[in-house]
Each structure stands twice: as C-alpha cells, then as structure tokens.
C-alpha cells in the first residue's frame, strides 16, 4: 500500500469501532420523551413557567425542574387527578 492508502485505511478504522453504537449508560436519570399535548395547554405551561421563573429571579429555574415538580405534585395527589379525569369525556369505558 502507498502511504496515502495506508493513512486512509488507518483513519477509516475509527468508524468501524462504533458501527454498532456506543454502549448505553445504565445510570441515566433522565431520558428524552416525545409527548403530544394540547397547544393551549402547552402555551399555558410556557407562560406559567416564565412567570414562576421570573418570581425566583435572580435564581434560575430550569423548565425540566418546573415540569417534574408539577408532575410529582400530580402523582402525590393522584386521587384528585382521578376525580378530574372521571369528568373528562376523553376517558372511555373498556368494553
């Protein structure tokens, strides 16, 4: 092989080591999820987040912490959530 071919072969080796992907980090505390939410609700969430973040100024509140806190509060008050869900027309009876 010429020097040029040898150099190209050595450089291409780095692409072969991760061909199957990198091993997953098992100690992940967060993961990305896609959720489809009502646009009016999303707008309310964004507006409320900005207001709450402004309330804590000069400290900063991340949006993920804001949303996680809301979700945790909902889970801690699941009976009230169930009551509200029973009033929604989107919840269908299983037949």
PDB file of N, CA and C in Angstrom:
ATOM      1  N   UNK A   1       0.834  -1.183   0.000  1.00  0.00           N
ATOM      2  CA  UNK A   1       0.000   0.000   0.000  1.00  0.00           C
ATOM      3  C   UNK A   1       0.876   1.243   0.000  1.00  0.00           C
ATOM      4  N   UNK A   2       0.374   2.238  -0.660  1.00  0.00           N
ATOM      5  CA  UNK A   2       1.089   3.509  -0.645  1.00  0.00           C
ATOM      6  C   UNK A   2       0.831   4.215   0.683  1.00  0.00           C
ATOM      7  N   UNK A   3       1.608   5.233   0.952  1.00  0.00           N
ATOM      8  CA  UNK A   3       1.422   5.995   2.196  1.00  0.00           C
ATOM      9  C   UNK A   3       0.026   6.579   2.286  1.00  0.00           C
ATOM     10  N   UNK A   4      -0.475   7.060   1.155  1.00  0.00           N
ATOM     11  CA  UNK A   4      -1.808   7.667   1.139  1.00  0.00           C
ATOM     12  C   UNK A   4      -2.875   6.625   1.478  1.00  0.00           C
ATOM     13  N   UNK A   5      -2.799   5.449   0.875  1.00  0.00           N
ATOM     14  CA  UNK A   5      -3.782   4.394   1.141  1.00  0.00           C
ATOM     15  C   UNK A   5      -3.677   3.897   2.577  1.00  0.00           C
ATOM     16  N   UNK A   6      -2.451   3.782   3.069  1.00  0.00           N
ATOM     17  CA  UNK A   6      -2.243   3.339   4.442  1.00  0.00           C
ATOM     18  C   UNK A   6      -2.838   4.336   5.436  1.00  0.00           C
ATOM     19  N   UNK A   7      -2.642   5.615   5.181  1.00  0.00           N
ATOM     20  CA  UNK A   7      -3.183   6.659   6.058  1.00  0.00           C
ATOM     21  C   UNK A   7      -4.713   6.641   6.032  1.00  0.00           C
ATOM     22  N   UNK A   8      -5.291   6.485   4.841  1.00  0.00           N
ATOM     23  CA  UNK A   8      -6.753   6.432   4.722  1.00  0.00           C
ATOM     24  C   UNK A   8      -7.299   5.206   5.437  1.00  0.00           C
ATOM     25  N   UNK A   9      -6.616   4.077   5.324  1.00  0.00           N
ATOM     26  CA  UNK A   9      -7.057   2.858   5.995  1.00  0.00           C
ATOM     27  C   UNK A   9      -7.025   3.027   7.507  1.00  0.00           C
ATOM     28  N   UNK A  10      -5.983   3.644   8.037  1.00  0.00           N
ATOM     29  CA  UNK A  10      -5.902   3.875   9.482  1.00  0.00           C
ATOM     30  C   UNK A  10      -6.998   4.836   9.954  1.00  0.00           C
ATOM     31  N   UNK A  11      -7.250   5.871   9.165  1.00  0.00           N
ATOM     32  CA  UNK A  11      -8.297   6.826   9.546  1.00  0.00           C
ATOM     33  C   UNK A  11      -9.679   6.182   9.507  1.00  0.00           C
ATOM     34  N   UNK A  12      -9.904   5.300   8.570  1.00  0.00           N
ATOM     35  CA  UNK A  12     -11.221   4.675   8.458  1.00  0.00           C
ATOM     36  C   UNK A  12     -11.483   3.676   9.575  1.00  0.00           C
ATOM     37  N   UNK A  13     -10.465   3.217  10.282  1.00  0.00           N
ATOM     38  CA  UNK A  13     -10.635   2.274  11.384  1.00  0.00           C
ATOM     39  C   UNK A  13     -11.497   2.861  12.502  1.00  0.00           C
ATOM     40  N   UNK A  14     -11.417   4.152  12.718  1.00  0.00           N
ATOM     41  CA  UNK A  14     -12.186   4.753  13.811  1.00  0.00           C
ATOM     42  C   UNK A  14     -13.687   4.648  13.588  1.00  0.00           C
ATOM     43  N   UNK A  15     -14.118   4.538  12.314  1.00  0.00           N
ATOM     44  CA  UNK A  15     -15.544   4.416  12.042  1.00  0.00           C
ATOM     45  C   UNK A  15     -16.039   2.996  12.245  1.00  0.00           C
ATOM     46  N   UNK A  16     -15.153   2.030  12.289  1.00  0.00           N
ATOM     47  CA  UNK A  16     -15.544   0.637  12.467  1.00  0.00           C
ATOM     48  C   UNK A  16     -15.761   0.299  13.942  1.00  0.00           C
ATOM     49  N   UNK A  17     -15.138   1.010  14.847  1.00  0.00           N
ATOM     50  CA  UNK A  17     -15.237   0.666  16.271  1.00  0.00           C
ATOM     51  C   UNK A  17     -16.619   0.972  16.846  1.00  0.00           C
ATOM     52  N   UNK A  18     -17.326   1.955  16.310  1.00  0.00           N
ATOM     53  CA  UNK A  18     -18.650   2.317  16.837  1.00  0.00           C
ATOM     54  C   UNK A  18     -19.758   1.965  15.860  1.00  0.00           C
ATOM     55  N   UNK A  19     -19.530   0.989  15.014  1.00  0.00           N
ATOM     56  CA  UNK A  19     -20.520   0.637  13.999  1.00  0.00           C
ATOM     57  C   UNK A  19     -21.824   0.170  14.620  1.00  0.00           C
ATOM     58  N   UNK A  20     -21.772  -0.498  15.761  1.00  0.00           N
ATOM     59  CA  UNK A  20     -22.995  -0.972  16.413  1.00  0.00           C
ATOM     60  C   UNK A  20     -23.496   0.019  17.449  1.00  0.00           C
ATOM     61  N   UNK A  21     -22.861   1.140  17.564  1.00  0.00           N
ATOM     62  CA  UNK A  21     -23.270   2.152  18.523  1.00  0.00           C
ATOM     63  C   UNK A  21     -22.481   2.051  19.813  1.00  0.00           C
ATOM     64  N   UNK A  22     -22.508   3.114  20.539  1.00  0.00           N
ATOM     65  CA  UNK A  22     -21.813   3.140  21.828  1.00  0.00           C
ATOM     66  C   UNK A  22     -22.670   2.423  22.862  1.00  0.00           C
ATOM     67  N   UNK A  23     -22.032   1.826  23.857  1.00  0.00           N
ATOM     68  CA  UNK A  23     -22.830   1.160  24.898  1.00  0.00           C
ATOM     69  C   UNK A  23     -23.646   2.195  25.669  1.00  0.00           C
ATOM     70  N   UNK A  24     -24.866   1.806  26.030  1.00  0.00           N
ATOM     71  CA  UNK A  24     -25.739   2.721  26.752  1.00  0.00           C
ATOM     72  C   UNK A  24     -25.259   2.883  28.182  1.00  0.00           C
ATOM     73  N   UNK A  25     -25.381   4.104  28.662  1.00  0.00           N
ATOM     74  CA  UNK A  25     -25.032   4.390  30.045  1.00  0.00           C
ATOM     75  C   UNK A  25     -26.233   3.997  30.907  1.00  0.00           C
ATOM     76  N   UNK A  26     -26.068   2.982  31.738  1.00  0.00           N
ATOM     77  CA  UNK A  26     -27.176   2.441  32.528  1.00  0.00           C
ATOM     78  C   UNK A  26     -27.596   3.363  33.668  1.00  0.00           C
ATOM     79  N   UNK A  27     -26.762   4.312  34.047  1.00  0.00           N
ATOM     80  CA  UNK A  27     -27.083   5.149  35.194  1.00  0.00           C
ATOM     81  C   UNK A  27     -27.738   6.475  34.797  1.00  0.00           C
ATOM     82  N   UNK A  28     -28.477   6.475  33.677  1.00  0.00           N
ATOM     83  CA  UNK A  28     -29.163   7.681  33.244  1.00  0.00           C
ATOM     84  C   UNK A  28     -30.324   8.008  34.175  1.00  0.00           C
ATOM     85  N   UNK A  29     -30.398   9.262  34.588  1.00  0.00           N
ATOM     86  CA  UNK A  29     -31.515   9.704  35.412  1.00  0.00           C
ATOM     87  C   UNK A  29     -32.597  10.377  34.582  1.00  0.00           C
ATOM     88  N   UNK A  30     -32.253  10.756  33.389  1.00  0.00           N
ATOM     89  CA  UNK A  30     -33.202  11.458  32.526  1.00  0.00           C
ATOM     90  C   UNK A  30     -33.203  10.810  31.153  1.00  0.00           C
ATOM     91  N   UNK A  31     -34.327  10.915  30.483  1.00  0.00           N
ATOM     92  CA  UNK A  31     -34.390  10.450  29.112  1.00  0.00           C
ATOM     93  C   UNK A  31     -35.342  11.343  28.333  1.00  0.00           C
ATOM     94  N   UNK A  32     -35.122  11.381  27.056  1.00  0.00           N
ATOM     95  CA  UNK A  32     -35.944  12.222  26.187  1.00  0.00           C
ATOM     96  C   UNK A  32     -37.205  11.463  25.805  1.00  0.00           C
ATOM     97  N   UNK A  33     -38.338  12.138  25.915  1.00  0.00           N
ATOM     98  CA  UNK A  33     -39.629  11.570  25.549  1.00  0.00           C
ATOM     99  C   UNK A  33     -40.363  12.550  24.653  1.00  0.00           C
ATOM    100  N   UNK A  34     -41.118  12.032  23.729  1.00  0.00           N
ATOM    101  CA  UNK A  34     -41.967  12.880  22.896  1.00  0.00           C
ATOM    102  C   UNK A  34     -43.404  12.732  23.368  1.00  0.00           C
ATOM    103  N   UNK A  35     -44.028  13.851  23.659  1.00  0.00           N
ATOM    104  CA  UNK A  35     -45.418  13.862  24.081  1.00  0.00           C
ATOM    105  C   UNK A  35     -46.192  14.819  23.187  1.00  0.00           C
ATOM    106  N   UNK A  36     -47.392  14.428  22.833  1.00  0.00           N
ATOM    107  CA  UNK A  36     -48.246  15.296  22.043  1.00  0.00           C
ATOM    108  C   UNK A  36     -49.288  15.887  22.979  1.00  0.00           C
ATOM    109  N   UNK A  37     -49.167  17.194  23.209  1.00  0.00           N
ATOM    110  CA  UNK A  37     -50.041  17.879  24.155  1.00  0.00           C
ATOM    111  C   UNK A  37     -50.884  18.911  23.434  1.00  0.00           C
ATOM    112  N   UNK A  38     -51.994  19.233  24.042  1.00  0.00           N
ATOM    113  CA  UNK A  38     -52.861  20.285  23.543  1.00  0.00           C
ATOM    114  C   UNK A  38     -52.077  21.594  23.445  1.00  0.00           C
ATOM    115  N   UNK A  39     -52.200  22.292  22.317  1.00  0.00           N
ATOM    116  CA  UNK A  39     -51.395  23.509  22.133  1.00  0.00           C
ATOM    117  C   UNK A  39     -51.763  24.613  23.113  1.00  0.00           C
ATOM    118  N   UNK A  40     -53.026  24.711  23.504  1.00  0.00           N
ATOM    119  CA  UNK A  40     -53.405  25.722  24.501  1.00  0.00           C
ATOM    120  C   UNK A  40     -52.785  25.400  25.859  1.00  0.00           C
ATOM    121  N   UNK A  41     -52.759  24.123  26.195  1.00  0.00           N
ATOM    122  CA  UNK A  41     -52.132  23.713  27.447  1.00  0.00           C
ATOM    123  C   UNK A  41     -50.635  23.996  27.412  1.00  0.00           C
ATOM    124  N   UNK A  42     -50.000  23.701  26.298  1.00  0.00           N
ATOM    125  CA  UNK A  42     -48.563  23.970  26.156  1.00  0.00           C
ATOM    126  C   UNK A  42     -48.277  25.455  26.298  1.00  0.00           C
ATOM    127  N   UNK A  43     -49.136  26.275  25.740  1.00  0.00           N
ATOM    128  CA  UNK A  43     -48.969  27.725  25.857  1.00  0.00           C
ATOM    129  C   UNK A  43     -49.120  28.162  27.318  1.00  0.00           C
ATOM    130  N   UNK A  44     -50.092  27.578  28.026  1.00  0.00           N
ATOM    131  CA  UNK A  44     -50.274  27.886  29.455  1.00  0.00           C
ATOM    132  C   UNK A  44     -49.060  27.458  30.269  1.00  0.00           C
ATOM    133  N   UNK A  45     -48.526  26.278  29.950  1.00  0.00           N
ATOM    134  CA  UNK A  45     -47.336  25.789  30.651  1.00  0.00           C
ATOM    135  C   UNK A  45     -46.177  26.745  30.437  1.00  0.00           C
ATOM    136  N   UNK A  46     -45.950  27.152  29.189  1.00  0.00           N
ATOM    137  CA  UNK A  46     -44.846  28.059  28.873  1.00  0.00           C
ATOM    138  C   UNK A  46     -44.999  29.400  29.579  1.00  0.00           C
ATOM    139  N   UNK A  47     -46.194  29.954  29.565  1.00  0.00           N
ATOM    140  CA  UNK A  47     -46.447  31.235  30.218  1.00  0.00           C
ATOM    141  C   UNK A  47     -46.260  31.124  31.731  1.00  0.00           C
ATOM    142  N   UNK A  48     -46.803  30.059  32.311  1.00  0.00           N
ATOM    143  CA  UNK A  48     -46.676  29.863  33.751  1.00  0.00           C
ATOM    144  C   UNK A  48     -45.224  29.648  34.146  1.00  0.00           C
ATOM    145  N   UNK A  49     -44.501  28.869  33.338  1.00  0.00           N
ATOM    146  CA  UNK A  49     -43.078  28.653  33.613  1.00  0.00           C
ATOM    147  C   UNK A  49     -42.320  29.981  33.631  1.00  0.00           C
ATOM    148  N   UNK A  50     -42.588  30.838  32.651  1.00  0.00           N
ATOM    149  CA  UNK A  50     -41.909  32.141  32.601  1.00  0.00           C
ATOM    150  C   UNK A  50     -42.230  32.975  33.831  1.00  0.00           C
ATOM    151  N   UNK A  51     -43.499  32.962  34.247  1.00  0.00           N
ATOM    152  CA  UNK A  51     -43.907  33.721  35.441  1.00  0.00           C
ATOM    153  C   UNK A  51     -43.232  33.186  36.708  1.00  0.00           C
ATOM    154  N   UNK A  52     -43.206  31.879  36.853  1.00  0.00           N
ATOM    155  CA  UNK A  52     -42.599  31.272  38.043  1.00  0.00           C
ATOM    156  C   UNK A  52     -41.089  31.504  38.032  1.00  0.00           C
ATOM    157  N   UNK A  53     -40.472  31.349  36.879  1.00  0.00           N
ATOM    158  CA  UNK A  53     -39.031  31.586  36.763  1.00  0.00           C
ATOM    159  C   UNK A  53     -38.704  33.036  37.121  1.00  0.00           C
ATOM    160  N   UNK A  54     -39.554  33.967  36.677  1.00  0.00           N
ATOM    161  CA  UNK A  54     -39.359  35.384  36.997  1.00  0.00           C
ATOM    162  C   UNK A  54     -39.510  35.615  38.507  1.00  0.00           C
ATOM    163  N   UNK A  55     -40.422  34.874  39.131  1.00  0.00           N
ATOM    164  CA  UNK A  55     -40.650  35.006  40.571  1.00  0.00           C
ATOM    165  C   UNK A  55     -39.376  34.682  41.363  1.00  0.00           C
ATOM    166  N   UNK A  56     -38.601  33.711  40.890  1.00  0.00           N
ATOM    167  CA  UNK A  56     -37.397  33.291  41.602  1.00  0.00           C
ATOM    168  C   UNK A  56     -36.150  34.091  41.227  1.00  0.00           C
ATOM    169  N   UNK A  57     -36.298  35.078  40.331  1.00  0.00           N
ATOM    170  CA  UNK A  57     -35.146  35.889  39.935  1.00  0.00           C
ATOM    171  C   UNK A  57     -34.505  36.510  41.167  1.00  0.00           C
ATOM    172  N   UNK A  58     -33.201  36.526  41.327  1.00  0.00           N
ATOM    173  CA  UNK A  58     -32.132  36.269  40.363  1.00  0.00           C
ATOM    174  C   UNK A  58     -31.749  34.798  40.236  1.00  0.00           C
ATOM    175  N   UNK A  59     -32.386  33.918  41.000  1.00  0.00           N
ATOM    176  CA  UNK A  59     -32.144  32.495  40.804  1.00  0.00           C
ATOM    177  C   UNK A  59     -32.836  32.058  39.529  1.00  0.00           C
ATOM    178  N   UNK A  60     -32.362  30.956  38.969  1.00  0.00           N
ATOM    179  CA  UNK A  60     -32.932  30.462  37.722  1.00  0.00           C
ATOM    180  C   UNK A  60     -33.536  29.084  37.945  1.00  0.00           C
ATOM    181  N   UNK A  61     -34.659  28.846  37.329  1.00  0.00           N
ATOM    182  CA  UNK A  61     -35.371  27.581  37.430  1.00  0.00           C
ATOM    183  C   UNK A  61     -35.410  26.945  36.045  1.00  0.00           C
ATOM    184  N   UNK A  62     -34.925  25.701  35.928  1.00  0.00           N
ATOM    185  CA  UNK A  62     -34.969  25.047  34.622  1.00  0.00           C
ATOM    186  C   UNK A  62     -36.393  24.584  34.333  1.00  0.00           C
ATOM    187  N   UNK A  63     -36.711  24.532  33.062  1.00  0.00           N
ATOM    188  CA  UNK A  63     -38.056  24.115  32.677  1.00  0.00           C
ATOM    189  C   UNK A  63     -38.290  22.653  33.043  1.00  0.00           C
ATOM    190  N   UNK A  64     -37.253  21.827  32.949  1.00  0.00           N
ATOM    191  CA  UNK A  64     -37.424  20.415  33.310  1.00  0.00           C
ATOM    192  C   UNK A  64     -37.743  20.269  34.797  1.00  0.00           C
ATOM    193  N   UNK A  65     -37.096  21.043  35.649  1.00  0.00           N
ATOM    194  CA  UNK A  65     -37.388  21.003  37.086  1.00  0.00           C
ATOM    195  C   UNK A  65     -38.813  21.469  37.344  1.00  0.00           C
ATOM    196  N   UNK A  66     -39.239  22.513  36.651  1.00  0.00           N
ATOM    197  CA  UNK A  66     -40.599  23.028  36.770  1.00  0.00           C
ATOM    198  C   UNK A  66     -41.616  21.944  36.400  1.00  0.00           C
ATOM    199  N   UNK A  67     -41.416  21.299  35.251  1.00  0.00           N
ATOM    200  CA  UNK A  67     -42.359  20.273  34.799  1.00  0.00           C
ATOM    201  C   UNK A  67     -42.319  19.035  35.696  1.00  0.00           C
ATOM    202  N   UNK A  68     -41.128  18.633  36.126  1.00  0.00           N
ATOM    203  CA  UNK A  68     -41.019  17.470  37.013  1.00  0.00           C
ATOM    204  C   UNK A  68     -41.725  17.726  38.333  1.00  0.00           C
ATOM    205  N   UNK A  69     -41.632  18.945  38.844  1.00  0.00           N
ATOM    206  CA  UNK A  69     -42.296  19.297  40.106  1.00  0.00           C
ATOM    207  C   UNK A  69     -43.811  19.236  39.958  1.00  0.00           C
ATOM    208  N   UNK A  70     -44.304  19.756  38.839  1.00  0.00           N
ATOM    209  CA  UNK A  70     -45.748  19.697  38.579  1.00  0.00           C
ATOM    210  C   UNK A  70     -46.214  18.243  38.479  1.00  0.00           C
ATOM    211  N   UNK A  71     -45.471  17.423  37.760  1.00  0.00           N
ATOM    212  CA  UNK A  71     -45.846  16.012  37.601  1.00  0.00           C
ATOM    213  C   UNK A  71     -45.774  15.261  38.927  1.00  0.00           C
ATOM    214  N   UNK A  72     -44.733  15.517  39.715  1.00  0.00           N
ATOM    215  CA  UNK A  72     -44.616  14.865  41.030  1.00  0.00           C
ATOM    216  C   UNK A  72     -45.773  15.270  41.945  1.00  0.00           C
ATOM    217  N   UNK A  73     -46.137  16.546  41.907  1.00  0.00           N
ATOM    218  CA  UNK A  73     -47.259  17.016  42.719  1.00  0.00           C
ATOM    219  C   UNK A  73     -48.540  16.312  42.293  1.00  0.00           C
ATOM    220  N   UNK A  74     -48.727  16.171  40.990  1.00  0.00           N
ATOM    221  CA  UNK A  74     -49.899  15.461  40.485  1.00  0.00           C
ATOM    222  C   UNK A  74     -49.926  14.014  40.946  1.00  0.00           C
ATOM    223  N   UNK A  75     -48.779  13.348  40.919  1.00  0.00           N
ATOM    224  CA  UNK A  75     -48.715  11.956  41.369  1.00  0.00           C
ATOM    225  C   UNK A  75     -48.970  11.835  42.864  1.00  0.00           C
ATOM    226  N   UNK A  76     -48.526  12.829  43.632  1.00  0.00           N
ATOM    227  CA  UNK A  76     -48.782  12.818  45.076  1.00  0.00           C
ATOM    228  C   UNK A  76     -50.258  13.061  45.385  1.00  0.00           C
ATOM    229  N   UNK A  77     -50.965  13.660  44.453  1.00  0.00           N
ATOM    230  CA  UNK A  77     -52.386  13.959  44.627  1.00  0.00           C
ATOM    231  C   UNK A  77     -53.208  13.215  43.577  1.00  0.00           C
ATOM    232  N   UNK A  78     -52.899  11.951  43.398  1.00  0.00           N
ATOM    233  CA  UNK A  78     -53.500  11.169  42.326  1.00  0.00           C
ATOM    234  C   UNK A  78     -55.016  11.007  42.480  1.00  0.00           C
ATOM    235  N   UNK A  79     -55.520  11.027  43.707  1.00  0.00           N
ATOM    236  CA  UNK A  79     -56.972  10.906  43.895  1.00  0.00           C
ATOM    237  C   UNK A  79     -57.709  12.093  43.294  1.00  0.00           C
ATOM    238  N   UNK A  80     -57.176  13.292  43.482  1.00  0.00           N
ATOM    239  CA  UNK A  80     -57.787  14.482  42.874  1.00  0.00           C
ATOM    240  C   UNK A  80     -57.676  14.418  41.352  1.00  0.00           C
ATOM    241  N   UNK A  81     -56.569  13.881  40.859  1.00  0.00           N
ATOM    242  CA  UNK A  81     -56.383  13.733  39.414  1.00  0.00           C
ATOM    243  C   UNK A  81     -57.396  12.734  38.861  1.00  0.00           C
ATOM    244  N   UNK A  82     -57.586  11.615  39.560  1.00  0.00           N
ATOM    245  CA  UNK A  82     -58.562  10.613  39.120  1.00  0.00           C
ATOM    246  C   UNK A  82     -59.961  11.217  39.081  1.00  0.00           C
ATOM    247  N   UNK A  83     -60.277  12.025  40.071  1.00  0.00           N
ATOM    248  CA  UNK A  83     -61.586  12.677  40.116  1.00  0.00           C
ATOM    249  C   UNK A  83     -61.777  13.579  38.901  1.00  0.00           C
ATOM    250  N   UNK A  84     -60.758  14.347  38.583  1.00  0.00           N
ATOM    251  CA  UNK A  84     -60.837  15.235  37.429  1.00  0.00           C
ATOM    252  C   UNK A  84     -60.916  14.441  36.132  1.00  0.00           C
ATOM    253  N   UNK A  85     -60.149  13.360  36.043  1.00  0.00           N
ATOM    254  CA  UNK A  85     -60.164  12.530  34.830  1.00  0.00           C
ATOM    255  C   UNK A  85     -61.526  11.873  34.620  1.00  0.00           C
ATOM    256  N   UNK A  86     -62.223  11.516  35.690  1.00  0.00           N
ATOM    257  CA  UNK A  86     -63.537  10.884  35.543  1.00  0.00           C
ATOM    258  C   UNK A  86     -64.555  11.840  34.933  1.00  0.00           C
ATOM    259  N   UNK A  87     -64.288  13.134  35.028  1.00  0.00           N
ATOM    260  CA  UNK A  87     -65.194  14.142  34.457  1.00  0.00           C
ATOM    261  C   UNK A  87     -64.934  14.386  32.978  1.00  0.00           C
ATOM    262  N   UNK A  88     -63.786  13.933  32.469  1.00  0.00           N
ATOM    263  CA  UNK A  88     -63.449  14.185  31.067  1.00  0.00           C
ATOM    264  C   UNK A  88     -64.168  13.243  30.136  1.00  0.00           C
ATOM    265  N   UNK A  89     -64.552  13.752  28.986  1.00  0.00           N
ATOM    266  CA  UNK A  89     -65.237  12.918  28.006  1.00  0.00           C
ATOM    267  C   UNK A  89     -64.252  12.058  27.209  1.00  0.00           C
ATOM    268  N   UNK A  90     -62.943  12.376  27.272  1.00  0.00           N
ATOM    269  CA  UNK A  90     -61.941  11.605  26.527  1.00  0.00           C
ATOM    270  C   UNK A  90     -61.672  10.236  27.146  1.00  0.00           C
ATOM    271  N   UNK A  91     -62.020  10.062  28.421  1.00  0.00           N
ATOM    272  CA  UNK A  91     -61.795   8.797  29.082  1.00  0.00           C
ATOM    273  C   UNK A  91     -62.964   7.885  28.693  1.00  0.00           C
ATOM    274  N   UNK A  92     -62.618   6.768  28.025  1.00  0.00           N
ATOM    275  CA  UNK A  92     -63.646   5.863  27.508  1.00  0.00           C
ATOM    276  C   UNK A  92     -63.740   4.621  28.379  1.00  0.00           C
ATOM    277  N   UNK A  93     -64.931   4.058  28.423  1.00  0.00           N
ATOM    278  CA  UNK A  93     -65.121   2.813  29.156  1.00  0.00           C
ATOM    279  C   UNK A  93     -64.591   1.669  28.322  1.00  0.00           C
ATOM    280  N   UNK A  94     -63.941   0.697  28.994  1.00  0.00           N
ATOM    281  CA  UNK A  94     -63.488  -0.508  28.303  1.00  0.00           C
ATOM    282  C   UNK A  94     -64.669  -1.438  28.120  1.00  0.00           C
ATOM    283  N   UNK A  95     -64.794  -2.013  26.909  1.00  0.00           N
ATOM    284  CA  UNK A  95     -65.905  -2.935  26.718  1.00  0.00           C
ATOM    285  C   UNK A  95     -65.453  -4.328  26.447  1.00  0.00           C
TER     286      UNK A  95
END
